[in-house]
């Protein structure tokens, strides 16, 4: 019985985490419109040599990169633009954007 209860708790926690991730991704989708001009609506850039595709990247990696840009520490040819874009983002905005783009399929 104890084994079944442990398994039930694991499933409950897993389902809760999936629901939170889905909710974050949905919120991120609404915020991603501003990113679409360069990175594509679904995170698949039309010019990946200039604007990287974000689709399918790790949520943690995307968060780390956006936080670095927000702090003015990003690098690359578009760093100044990305710093300006990331500056007003909250931690929640960044988490939601990262969740959305990480769940997209890279083409």
PDB file of N, CA and C in Angstrom:
ATOM      1  N   UNK A   1       0.825  -1.188   0.000  1.00  0.00           N
ATOM      2  CA  UNK A   1       0.000   0.000   0.000  1.00  0.00           C
ATOM      3  C   UNK A   1       0.875   1.261   0.000  1.00  0.00           C
ATOM      4  N   UNK A   2       1.952   1.232   0.793  1.00  0.00           N
ATOM      5  CA  UNK A   2       2.843   2.393   0.874  1.00  0.00           C
ATOM      6  C   UNK A   2       3.476   2.668  -0.502  1.00  0.00           C
ATOM      7  N   UNK A   3       3.827   1.613  -1.229  1.00  0.00           N
ATOM      8  CA  UNK A   3       4.409   1.735  -2.567  1.00  0.00           C
ATOM      9  C   UNK A   3       3.420   2.415  -3.519  1.00  0.00           C
ATOM     10  N   UNK A   4       2.167   2.051  -3.438  1.00  0.00           N
ATOM     11  CA  UNK A   4       1.138   2.633  -4.301  1.00  0.00           C
ATOM     12  C   UNK A   4       0.943   4.117  -3.980  1.00  0.00           C
ATOM     13  N   UNK A   5       0.989   4.448  -2.712  1.00  0.00           N
ATOM     14  CA  UNK A   5       0.830   5.840  -2.297  1.00  0.00           C
ATOM     15  C   UNK A   5       2.002   6.682  -2.792  1.00  0.00           C
ATOM     16  N   UNK A   6       3.213   6.130  -2.724  1.00  0.00           N
ATOM     17  CA  UNK A   6       4.394   6.831  -3.226  1.00  0.00           C
ATOM     18  C   UNK A   6       4.283   7.049  -4.730  1.00  0.00           C
ATOM     19  N   UNK A   7       3.868   6.022  -5.451  1.00  0.00           N
ATOM     20  CA  UNK A   7       3.687   6.130  -6.896  1.00  0.00           C
ATOM     21  C   UNK A   7       2.624   7.170  -7.233  1.00  0.00           C
ATOM     22  N   UNK A   8       1.536   7.182  -6.495  1.00  0.00           N
ATOM     23  CA  UNK A   8       0.468   8.159  -6.703  1.00  0.00           C
ATOM     24  C   UNK A   8       0.985   9.580  -6.475  1.00  0.00           C
ATOM     25  N   UNK A   9       1.782   9.778  -5.462  1.00  0.00           N
ATOM     26  CA  UNK A   9       2.344  11.102  -5.175  1.00  0.00           C
ATOM     27  C   UNK A   9       3.291  11.542  -6.291  1.00  0.00           C
ATOM     28  N   UNK A  10       4.093  10.639  -6.799  1.00  0.00           N
ATOM     29  CA  UNK A  10       5.005  10.955  -7.909  1.00  0.00           C
ATOM     30  C   UNK A  10       4.213  11.366  -9.141  1.00  0.00           C
ATOM     31  N   UNK A  11       3.165  10.631  -9.453  1.00  0.00           N
ATOM     32  CA  UNK A  11       2.325  10.963 -10.606  1.00  0.00           C
ATOM     33  C   UNK A  11       1.638  12.311 -10.417  1.00  0.00           C
ATOM     34  N   UNK A  12       1.162  12.589  -9.225  1.00  0.00           N
ATOM     35  CA  UNK A  12       0.501  13.859  -8.944  1.00  0.00           C
ATOM     36  C   UNK A  12       1.465  15.028  -9.114  1.00  0.00           C
ATOM     37  N   UNK A  13       2.664  14.900  -8.591  1.00  0.00           N
ATOM     38  CA  UNK A  13       3.673  15.952  -8.725  1.00  0.00           C
ATOM     39  C   UNK A  13       4.053  16.133 -10.194  1.00  0.00           C
ATOM     40  N   UNK A  14       4.235  15.032 -10.916  1.00  0.00           N
ATOM     41  CA  UNK A  14       4.589  15.111 -12.335  1.00  0.00           C
ATOM     42  C   UNK A  14       3.507  15.812 -13.137  1.00  0.00           C
ATOM     43  N   UNK A  15       2.256  15.462 -12.892  1.00  0.00           N
ATOM     44  CA  UNK A  15       1.150  16.097 -13.609  1.00  0.00           C
ATOM     45  C   UNK A  15       1.046  17.575 -13.267  1.00  0.00           C
ATOM     46  N   UNK A  16       1.289  17.931 -12.032  1.00  0.00           N
ATOM     47  CA  UNK A  16       1.265  19.339 -11.622  1.00  0.00           C
ATOM     48  C   UNK A  16       2.374  20.105 -12.328  1.00  0.00           C
ATOM     49  N   UNK A  17       3.560  19.532 -12.405  1.00  0.00           N
ATOM     50  CA  UNK A  17       4.679  20.183 -13.090  1.00  0.00           C
ATOM     51  C   UNK A  17       4.380  20.358 -14.574  1.00  0.00           C
ATOM     52  N   UNK A  18       3.765  19.358 -15.202  1.00  0.00           N
ATOM     53  CA  UNK A  18       3.393  19.464 -16.616  1.00  0.00           C
ATOM     54  C   UNK A  18       2.360  20.566 -16.825  1.00  0.00           C
ATOM     55  N   UNK A  19       1.408  20.671 -15.911  1.00  0.00           N
ATOM     56  CA  UNK A  19       0.382  21.710 -16.024  1.00  0.00           C
ATOM     57  C   UNK A  19       0.992  23.096 -15.878  1.00  0.00           C
ATOM     58  N   UNK A  20       1.935  23.248 -14.955  1.00  0.00           N
ATOM     59  CA  UNK A  20       2.613  24.535 -14.772  1.00  0.00           C
ATOM     60  C   UNK A  20       3.415  24.884 -16.017  1.00  0.00           C
ATOM     61  N   UNK A  21       4.134  23.921 -16.573  1.00  0.00           N
ATOM     62  CA  UNK A  21       4.921  24.165 -17.789  1.00  0.00           C
ATOM     63  C   UNK A  21       4.018  24.557 -18.953  1.00  0.00           C
ATOM     64  N   UNK A  22       2.893  23.887 -19.095  1.00  0.00           N
ATOM     65  CA  UNK A  22       1.955  24.209 -20.171  1.00  0.00           C
ATOM     66  C   UNK A  22       1.385  25.612 -19.980  1.00  0.00           C
ATOM     67  N   UNK A  23       1.071  25.961 -18.759  1.00  0.00           N
ATOM     68  CA  UNK A  23       0.540  27.295 -18.468  1.00  0.00           C
ATOM     69  C   UNK A  23       1.576  28.373 -18.770  1.00  0.00           C
ATOM     70  N   UNK A  24       2.831  28.123 -18.383  1.00  0.00           N
ATOM     71  CA  UNK A  24       3.910  29.072 -18.679  1.00  0.00           C
ATOM     72  C   UNK A  24       4.107  29.227 -20.184  1.00  0.00           C
ATOM     73  N   UNK A  25       4.063  28.117 -20.891  1.00  0.00           N
ATOM     74  CA  UNK A  25       4.259  28.153 -22.338  1.00  0.00           C
ATOM     75  C   UNK A  25       3.141  28.943 -23.011  1.00  0.00           C
ATOM     76  N   UNK A  26       1.920  28.772 -22.542  1.00  0.00           N
ATOM     77  CA  UNK A  26       0.787  29.507 -23.125  1.00  0.00           C
ATOM     78  C   UNK A  26       0.943  31.005 -22.873  1.00  0.00           C
ATOM     79  N   UNK A  27       1.355  31.382 -21.684  1.00  0.00           N
ATOM     80  CA  UNK A  27       1.603  32.793 -21.378  1.00  0.00           C
ATOM     81  C   UNK A  27       2.765  33.318 -22.209  1.00  0.00           C
ATOM     82  N   UNK A  28       3.777  32.490 -22.404  1.00  0.00           N
ATOM     83  CA  UNK A  28       4.940  32.874 -23.208  1.00  0.00           C
ATOM     84  C   UNK A  28       4.589  33.087 -24.663  1.00  0.00           C
ATOM     85  N   UNK A  29       3.644  32.320 -25.159  1.00  0.00           N
ATOM     86  CA  UNK A  29       3.220  32.453 -26.556  1.00  0.00           C
ATOM     87  C   UNK A  29       2.692  33.859 -26.816  1.00  0.00           C
ATOM     88  N   UNK A  30       1.913  34.380 -25.898  1.00  0.00           N
ATOM     89  CA  UNK A  30       1.368  35.732 -26.049  1.00  0.00           C
ATOM     90  C   UNK A  30       2.478  36.784 -26.031  1.00  0.00           C
ATOM     91  N   UNK A  31       3.502  36.546 -25.243  1.00  0.00           N
ATOM     92  CA  UNK A  31       4.608  37.498 -25.124  1.00  0.00           C
ATOM     93  C   UNK A  31       5.619  37.363 -26.262  1.00  0.00           C
ATOM     94  N   UNK A  32       5.586  36.241 -26.969  1.00  0.00           N
ATOM     95  CA  UNK A  32       6.585  35.957 -28.013  1.00  0.00           C
ATOM     96  C   UNK A  32       6.355  36.723 -29.302  1.00  0.00           C
ATOM     97  N   UNK A  33       5.228  37.395 -29.422  1.00  0.00           N
ATOM     98  CA  UNK A  33       4.929  38.127 -30.662  1.00  0.00           C
ATOM     99  C   UNK A  33       6.028  39.126 -30.998  1.00  0.00           C
ATOM    100  N   UNK A  34       6.573  39.770 -29.991  1.00  0.00           N
ATOM    101  CA  UNK A  34       7.628  40.760 -30.229  1.00  0.00           C
ATOM    102  C   UNK A  34       8.924  40.095 -30.711  1.00  0.00           C
ATOM    103  N   UNK A  35       9.116  38.833 -30.387  1.00  0.00           N
ATOM    104  CA  UNK A  35      10.311  38.088 -30.794  1.00  0.00           C
ATOM    105  C   UNK A  35      10.206  37.595 -32.241  1.00  0.00           C
ATOM    106  N   UNK A  36       8.972  37.498 -32.737  1.00  0.00           N
ATOM    107  CA  UNK A  36       8.701  36.874 -34.033  1.00  0.00           C
ATOM    108  C   UNK A  36       9.373  37.572 -35.203  1.00  0.00           C
ATOM    109  N   UNK A  37       9.538  38.881 -35.139  1.00  0.00           N
ATOM    110  CA  UNK A  37      10.128  39.608 -36.263  1.00  0.00           C
ATOM    111  C   UNK A  37      11.511  39.057 -36.621  1.00  0.00           C
ATOM    112  N   UNK A  38      12.259  38.651 -35.637  1.00  0.00           N
ATOM    113  CA  UNK A  38      13.616  38.145 -35.889  1.00  0.00           C
ATOM    114  C   UNK A  38      13.711  36.618 -35.769  1.00  0.00           C
ATOM    115  N   UNK A  39      13.049  36.063 -34.757  1.00  0.00           N
ATOM    116  CA  UNK A  39      13.214  34.640 -34.447  1.00  0.00           C
ATOM    117  C   UNK A  39      12.101  33.759 -35.007  1.00  0.00           C
ATOM    118  N   UNK A  40      11.093  34.342 -35.653  1.00  0.00           N
ATOM    119  CA  UNK A  40       9.976  33.579 -36.201  1.00  0.00           C
ATOM    120  C   UNK A  40       8.885  33.358 -35.170  1.00  0.00           C
ATOM    121  N   UNK A  41       7.648  33.261 -35.637  1.00  0.00           N
ATOM    122  CA  UNK A  41       6.501  33.091 -34.735  1.00  0.00           C
ATOM    123  C   UNK A  41       6.643  31.893 -33.816  1.00  0.00           C
ATOM    124  N   UNK A  42       7.145  30.793 -34.356  1.00  0.00           N
ATOM    125  CA  UNK A  42       7.298  29.575 -33.563  1.00  0.00           C
ATOM    126  C   UNK A  42       8.749  29.329 -33.164  1.00  0.00           C
ATOM    127  N   UNK A  43       9.565  30.384 -33.266  1.00  0.00           N
ATOM    128  CA  UNK A  43      10.962  30.258 -32.877  1.00  0.00           C
ATOM    129  C   UNK A  43      11.875  29.728 -33.956  1.00  0.00           C
ATOM    130  N   UNK A  44      11.351  29.567 -35.176  1.00  0.00           N
ATOM    131  CA  UNK A  44      12.157  29.106 -36.307  1.00  0.00           C
ATOM    132  C   UNK A  44      12.504  30.307 -37.182  1.00  0.00           C
ATOM    133  N   UNK A  45      13.718  30.767 -37.040  1.00  0.00           N
ATOM    134  CA  UNK A  45      14.182  31.959 -37.740  1.00  0.00           C
ATOM    135  C   UNK A  45      14.250  31.744 -39.244  1.00  0.00           C
ATOM    136  N   UNK A  46      13.883  32.770 -39.990  1.00  0.00           N
ATOM    137  CA  UNK A  46      14.003  32.730 -41.455  1.00  0.00           C
ATOM    138  C   UNK A  46      15.446  33.011 -41.880  1.00  0.00           C
ATOM    139  N   UNK A  47      16.232  33.650 -40.996  1.00  0.00           N
ATOM    140  CA  UNK A  47      17.635  33.973 -41.274  1.00  0.00           C
ATOM    141  C   UNK A  47      18.473  33.526 -40.062  1.00  0.00           C
ATOM    142  N   UNK A  48      18.641  32.188 -39.893  1.00  0.00           N
ATOM    143  CA  UNK A  48      19.310  31.682 -38.697  1.00  0.00           C
ATOM    144  C   UNK A  48      20.780  32.093 -38.549  1.00  0.00           C
ATOM    145  N   UNK A  49      21.418  32.516 -39.639  1.00  0.00           N
ATOM    146  CA  UNK A  49      22.804  32.968 -39.508  1.00  0.00           C
ATOM    147  C   UNK A  49      22.876  34.319 -38.794  1.00  0.00           C
ATOM    148  N   UNK A  50      21.786  35.066 -38.838  1.00  0.00           N
ATOM    149  CA  UNK A  50      21.754  36.366 -38.168  1.00  0.00           C
ATOM    150  C   UNK A  50      20.937  36.314 -36.876  1.00  0.00           C
ATOM    151  N   UNK A  51      19.802  35.634 -36.935  1.00  0.00           N
ATOM    152  CA  UNK A  51      18.903  35.521 -35.786  1.00  0.00           C
ATOM    153  C   UNK A  51      18.717  34.039 -35.488  1.00  0.00           C
ATOM    154  N   UNK A  52      19.235  33.557 -34.376  1.00  0.00           N
ATOM    155  CA  UNK A  52      19.152  32.117 -34.109  1.00  0.00           C
ATOM    156  C   UNK A  52      17.714  31.634 -33.927  1.00  0.00           C
ATOM    157  N   UNK A  53      17.486  30.408 -34.322  1.00  0.00           N
ATOM    158  CA  UNK A  53      16.199  29.770 -34.050  1.00  0.00           C
ATOM    159  C   UNK A  53      16.169  29.415 -32.570  1.00  0.00           C
ATOM    160  N   UNK A  54      15.059  29.705 -31.940  1.00  0.00           N
ATOM    161  CA  UNK A  54      14.900  29.436 -30.512  1.00  0.00           C
ATOM    162  C   UNK A  54      14.116  28.152 -30.262  1.00  0.00           C
ATOM    163  N   UNK A  55      13.397  27.692 -31.269  1.00  0.00           N
ATOM    164  CA  UNK A  55      12.558  26.508 -31.133  1.00  0.00           C
ATOM    165  C   UNK A  55      13.366  25.297 -30.689  1.00  0.00           C
ATOM    166  N   UNK A  56      12.839  24.615 -29.684  1.00  0.00           N
ATOM    167  CA  UNK A  56      13.441  23.378 -29.222  1.00  0.00           C
ATOM    168  C   UNK A  56      14.672  23.515 -28.340  1.00  0.00           C
ATOM    169  N   UNK A  57      15.124  24.747 -28.108  1.00  0.00           N
ATOM    170  CA  UNK A  57      16.265  24.918 -27.205  1.00  0.00           C
ATOM    171  C   UNK A  57      15.820  24.647 -25.768  1.00  0.00           C
ATOM    172  N   UNK A  58      16.758  24.297 -24.940  1.00  0.00           N
ATOM    173  CA  UNK A  58      16.471  24.031 -23.537  1.00  0.00           C
ATOM    174  C   UNK A  58      15.915  25.287 -22.856  1.00  0.00           C
ATOM    175  N   UNK A  59      14.880  25.092 -22.066  1.00  0.00           N
ATOM    176  CA  UNK A  59      14.283  26.206 -21.324  1.00  0.00           C
ATOM    177  C   UNK A  59      15.320  26.872 -20.429  1.00  0.00           C
ATOM    178  N   UNK A  60      16.143  26.066 -19.775  1.00  0.00           N
ATOM    179  CA  UNK A  60      17.173  26.633 -18.890  1.00  0.00           C
ATOM    180  C   UNK A  60      18.178  27.470 -19.672  1.00  0.00           C
ATOM    181  N   UNK A  61      18.598  26.985 -20.845  1.00  0.00           N
ATOM    182  CA  UNK A  61      19.548  27.736 -21.668  1.00  0.00           C
ATOM    183  C   UNK A  61      18.940  29.063 -22.131  1.00  0.00           C
ATOM    184  N   UNK A  62      17.688  29.013 -22.560  1.00  0.00           N
ATOM    185  CA  UNK A  62      17.024  30.232 -23.015  1.00  0.00           C
ATOM    186  C   UNK A  62      16.893  31.240 -21.873  1.00  0.00           C
ATOM    187  N   UNK A  63      16.547  30.753 -20.692  1.00  0.00           N
ATOM    188  CA  UNK A  63      16.434  31.648 -19.537  1.00  0.00           C
ATOM    189  C   UNK A  63      17.782  32.279 -19.202  1.00  0.00           C
ATOM    190  N   UNK A  64      18.825  31.467 -19.207  1.00  0.00           N
ATOM    191  CA  UNK A  64      20.164  31.969 -18.894  1.00  0.00           C
ATOM    192  C   UNK A  64      20.585  33.052 -19.885  1.00  0.00           C
ATOM    193  N   UNK A  65      20.331  32.813 -21.173  1.00  0.00           N
ATOM    194  CA  UNK A  65      20.706  33.788 -22.203  1.00  0.00           C
ATOM    195  C   UNK A  65      19.914  35.082 -22.067  1.00  0.00           C
ATOM    196  N   UNK A  66      18.605  34.975 -21.851  1.00  0.00           N
ATOM    197  CA  UNK A  66      17.787  36.176 -21.703  1.00  0.00           C
ATOM    198  C   UNK A  66      18.163  36.963 -20.446  1.00  0.00           C
ATOM    199  N   UNK A  67      18.455  36.259 -19.371  1.00  0.00           N
ATOM    200  CA  UNK A  67      18.879  36.942 -18.141  1.00  0.00           C
ATOM    201  C   UNK A  67      20.200  37.672 -18.358  1.00  0.00           C
ATOM    202  N   UNK A  68      21.105  37.052 -19.099  1.00  0.00           N
ATOM    203  CA  UNK A  68      22.391  37.707 -19.396  1.00  0.00           C
ATOM    204  C   UNK A  68      22.158  38.974 -20.219  1.00  0.00           C
ATOM    205  N   UNK A  69      21.312  38.891 -21.226  1.00  0.00           N
ATOM    206  CA  UNK A  69      21.004  40.082 -22.020  1.00  0.00           C
ATOM    207  C   UNK A  69      20.364  41.154 -21.158  1.00  0.00           C
ATOM    208  N   UNK A  70      19.435  40.750 -20.290  1.00  0.00           N
ATOM    209  CA  UNK A  70      18.769  41.718 -19.414  1.00  0.00           C
ATOM    210  C   UNK A  70      19.775  42.448 -18.530  1.00  0.00           C
ATOM    211  N   UNK A  71      20.820  41.737 -18.133  1.00  0.00           N
ATOM    212  CA  UNK A  71      21.856  42.322 -17.274  1.00  0.00           C
ATOM    213  C   UNK A  71      22.941  43.025 -18.077  1.00  0.00           C
ATOM    214  N   UNK A  72      22.773  43.069 -19.423  1.00  0.00           N
ATOM    215  CA  UNK A  72      23.750  43.747 -20.271  1.00  0.00           C
ATOM    216  C   UNK A  72      24.998  42.938 -20.538  1.00  0.00           C
ATOM    217  N   UNK A  73      24.937  41.623 -20.302  1.00  0.00           N
ATOM    218  CA  UNK A  73      26.116  40.767 -20.440  1.00  0.00           C
ATOM    219  C   UNK A  73      26.088  39.873 -21.669  1.00  0.00           C
ATOM    220  N   UNK A  74      25.090  40.012 -22.518  1.00  0.00           N
ATOM    221  CA  UNK A  74      25.003  39.164 -23.702  1.00  0.00           C
ATOM    222  C   UNK A  74      26.061  39.542 -24.722  1.00  0.00           C
ATOM    223  N   UNK A  75      26.304  38.634 -25.642  1.00  0.00           N
ATOM    224  CA  UNK A  75      27.297  38.904 -26.682  1.00  0.00           C
ATOM    225  C   UNK A  75      26.726  38.546 -28.045  1.00  0.00           C
ATOM    226  N   UNK A  76      27.438  38.920 -29.084  1.00  0.00           N
ATOM    227  CA  UNK A  76      27.019  38.609 -30.439  1.00  0.00           C
ATOM    228  C   UNK A  76      26.700  39.876 -31.208  1.00  0.00           C
ATOM    229  N   UNK A  77      26.489  39.712 -32.513  1.00  0.00           N
ATOM    230  CA  UNK A  77      26.274  40.884 -33.369  1.00  0.00           C
ATOM    231  C   UNK A  77      24.999  41.666 -33.040  1.00  0.00           C
ATOM    232  N   UNK A  78      24.026  41.019 -32.448  1.00  0.00           N
ATOM    233  CA  UNK A  78      22.766  41.688 -32.122  1.00  0.00           C
ATOM    234  C   UNK A  78      22.635  41.950 -30.620  1.00  0.00           C
ATOM    235  N   UNK A  79      23.749  41.932 -29.901  1.00  0.00           N
ATOM    236  CA  UNK A  79      23.710  42.065 -28.439  1.00  0.00           C
ATOM    237  C   UNK A  79      23.032  43.351 -27.987  1.00  0.00           C
ATOM    238  N   UNK A  80      23.351  44.459 -28.612  1.00  0.00           N
ATOM    239  CA  UNK A  80      22.754  45.729 -28.193  1.00  0.00           C
ATOM    240  C   UNK A  80      21.232  45.701 -28.345  1.00  0.00           C
ATOM    241  N   UNK A  81      20.758  45.117 -29.427  1.00  0.00           N
ATOM    242  CA  UNK A  81      19.321  44.998 -29.649  1.00  0.00           C
ATOM    243  C   UNK A  81      18.692  44.083 -28.607  1.00  0.00           C
ATOM    244  N   UNK A  82      19.345  42.952 -28.358  1.00  0.00           N
ATOM    245  CA  UNK A  82      18.803  41.995 -27.396  1.00  0.00           C
ATOM    246  C   UNK A  82      18.831  42.546 -25.971  1.00  0.00           C
ATOM    247  N   UNK A  83      19.853  43.301 -25.631  1.00  0.00           N
ATOM    248  CA  UNK A  83      19.906  43.933 -24.308  1.00  0.00           C
ATOM    249  C   UNK A  83      18.706  44.866 -24.148  1.00  0.00           C
ATOM    250  N   UNK A  84      18.438  45.666 -25.166  1.00  0.00           N
ATOM    251  CA  UNK A  84      17.294  46.590 -25.118  1.00  0.00           C
ATOM    252  C   UNK A  84      15.971  45.833 -25.031  1.00  0.00           C
ATOM    253  N   UNK A  85      15.864  44.713 -25.740  1.00  0.00           N
ATOM    254  CA  UNK A  85      14.624  43.930 -25.725  1.00  0.00           C
ATOM    255  C   UNK A  85      14.432  43.221 -24.380  1.00  0.00           C
ATOM    256  N   UNK A  86      15.510  42.761 -23.778  1.00  0.00           N
ATOM    257  CA  UNK A  86      15.413  41.974 -22.547  1.00  0.00           C
ATOM    258  C   UNK A  86      15.345  42.824 -21.284  1.00  0.00           C
ATOM    259  N   UNK A  87      15.815  44.053 -21.351  1.00  0.00           N
ATOM    260  CA  UNK A  87      15.876  44.917 -20.168  1.00  0.00           C
ATOM    261  C   UNK A  87      14.558  44.976 -19.387  1.00  0.00           C
ATOM    262  N   UNK A  88      13.418  45.173 -20.061  1.00  0.00           N
ATOM    263  CA  UNK A  88      12.165  45.295 -19.290  1.00  0.00           C
ATOM    264  C   UNK A  88      11.534  43.972 -18.847  1.00  0.00           C
ATOM    265  N   UNK A  89      12.130  42.838 -19.220  1.00  0.00           N
ATOM    266  CA  UNK A  89      11.525  41.543 -18.905  1.00  0.00           C
ATOM    267  C   UNK A  89      11.700  41.172 -17.433  1.00  0.00           C
ATOM    268  N   UNK A  90      10.629  40.691 -16.830  1.00  0.00           N
ATOM    269  CA  UNK A  90      10.698  40.179 -15.458  1.00  0.00           C
ATOM    270  C   UNK A  90      11.186  38.734 -15.495  1.00  0.00           C
ATOM    271  N   UNK A  91      11.500  38.189 -14.328  1.00  0.00           N
ATOM    272  CA  UNK A  91      11.880  36.778 -14.254  1.00  0.00           C
ATOM    273  C   UNK A  91      10.741  35.898 -14.779  1.00  0.00           C
ATOM    274  N   UNK A  92       9.501  36.270 -14.473  1.00  0.00           N
ATOM    275  CA  UNK A  92       8.350  35.503 -14.940  1.00  0.00           C
ATOM    276  C   UNK A  92       8.229  35.575 -16.462  1.00  0.00           C
ATOM    277  N   UNK A  93       8.421  36.770 -17.039  1.00  0.00           N
ATOM    278  CA  UNK A  93       8.397  36.907 -18.503  1.00  0.00           C
ATOM    279  C   UNK A  93       9.418  35.976 -19.147  1.00  0.00           C
ATOM    280  N   UNK A  94      10.619  35.991 -18.604  1.00  0.00           N
ATOM    281  CA  UNK A  94      11.706  35.171 -19.148  1.00  0.00           C
ATOM    282  C   UNK A  94      11.370  33.687 -19.041  1.00  0.00           C
ATOM    283  N   UNK A  95      10.841  33.262 -17.895  1.00  0.00           N
ATOM    284  CA  UNK A  95      10.477  31.850 -17.709  1.00  0.00           C
ATOM    285  C   UNK A  95       9.391  31.441 -18.698  1.00  0.00           C
ATOM    286  N   UNK A  96       8.418  32.319 -18.926  1.00  0.00           N
ATOM    287  CA  UNK A  96       7.323  32.002 -19.835  1.00  0.00           C
ATOM    288  C   UNK A  96       7.788  31.955 -21.287  1.00  0.00           C
ATOM    289  N   UNK A  97       8.617  32.905 -21.686  1.00  0.00           N
ATOM    290  CA  UNK A  97       9.161  32.896 -23.046  1.00  0.00           C
ATOM    291  C   UNK A  97      10.004  31.641 -23.277  1.00  0.00           C
ATOM    292  N   UNK A  98      10.839  31.319 -22.308  1.00  0.00           N
ATOM    293  CA  UNK A  98      11.694  30.135 -22.421  1.00  0.00           C
ATOM    294  C   UNK A  98      10.849  28.861 -22.507  1.00  0.00           C
ATOM    295  N   UNK A  99       9.798  28.790 -21.714  1.00  0.00           N
ATOM    296  CA  UNK A  99       8.919  27.617 -21.746  1.00  0.00           C
ATOM    297  C   UNK A  99       8.266  27.484 -23.120  1.00  0.00           C
ATOM    298  N   UNK A 100       7.795  28.592 -23.667  1.00  0.00           N
ATOM    299  CA  UNK A 100       7.134  28.556 -24.978  1.00  0.00           C
ATOM    300  C   UNK A 100       8.100  28.092 -26.066  1.00  0.00           C
ATOM    301  N   UNK A 101       9.239  28.758 -26.183  1.00  0.00           N
ATOM    302  CA  UNK A 101      10.153  28.418 -27.270  1.00  0.00           C
ATOM    303  C   UNK A 101      10.749  27.015 -27.108  1.00  0.00           C
ATOM    304  N   UNK A 102      10.974  26.578 -25.889  1.00  0.00           N
ATOM    305  CA  UNK A 102      11.533  25.238 -25.681  1.00  0.00           C
ATOM    306  C   UNK A 102      10.566  24.145 -26.123  1.00  0.00           C
ATOM    307  N   UNK A 103       9.276  24.430 -26.121  1.00  0.00           N
ATOM    308  CA  UNK A 103       8.274  23.434 -26.515  1.00  0.00           C
ATOM    309  C   UNK A 103       7.961  23.444 -28.013  1.00  0.00           C
ATOM    310  N   UNK A 104       8.565  24.367 -28.740  1.00  0.00           N
ATOM    311  CA  UNK A 104       8.340  24.423 -30.185  1.00  0.00           C
ATOM    312  C   UNK A 104       9.262  23.431 -30.894  1.00  0.00           C
ATOM    313  N   UNK A 105       8.847  22.995 -32.065  1.00  0.00           N
ATOM    314  CA  UNK A 105       9.634  22.051 -32.851  1.00  0.00           C
ATOM    315  C   UNK A 105      10.541  22.801 -33.804  1.00  0.00           C
ATOM    316  N   UNK A 106      11.831  22.476 -33.767  1.00  0.00           N
ATOM    317  CA  UNK A 106      12.779  23.100 -34.681  1.00  0.00           C
ATOM    318  C   UNK A 106      12.625  22.480 -36.053  1.00  0.00           C
ATOM    319  N   UNK A 107      12.546  23.342 -37.086  1.00  0.00           N
ATOM    320  CA  UNK A 107      12.389  22.865 -38.465  1.00  0.00           C
ATOM    321  C   UNK A 107      13.726  22.830 -39.162  1.00  0.00           C
TER     322      UNK A 107
END
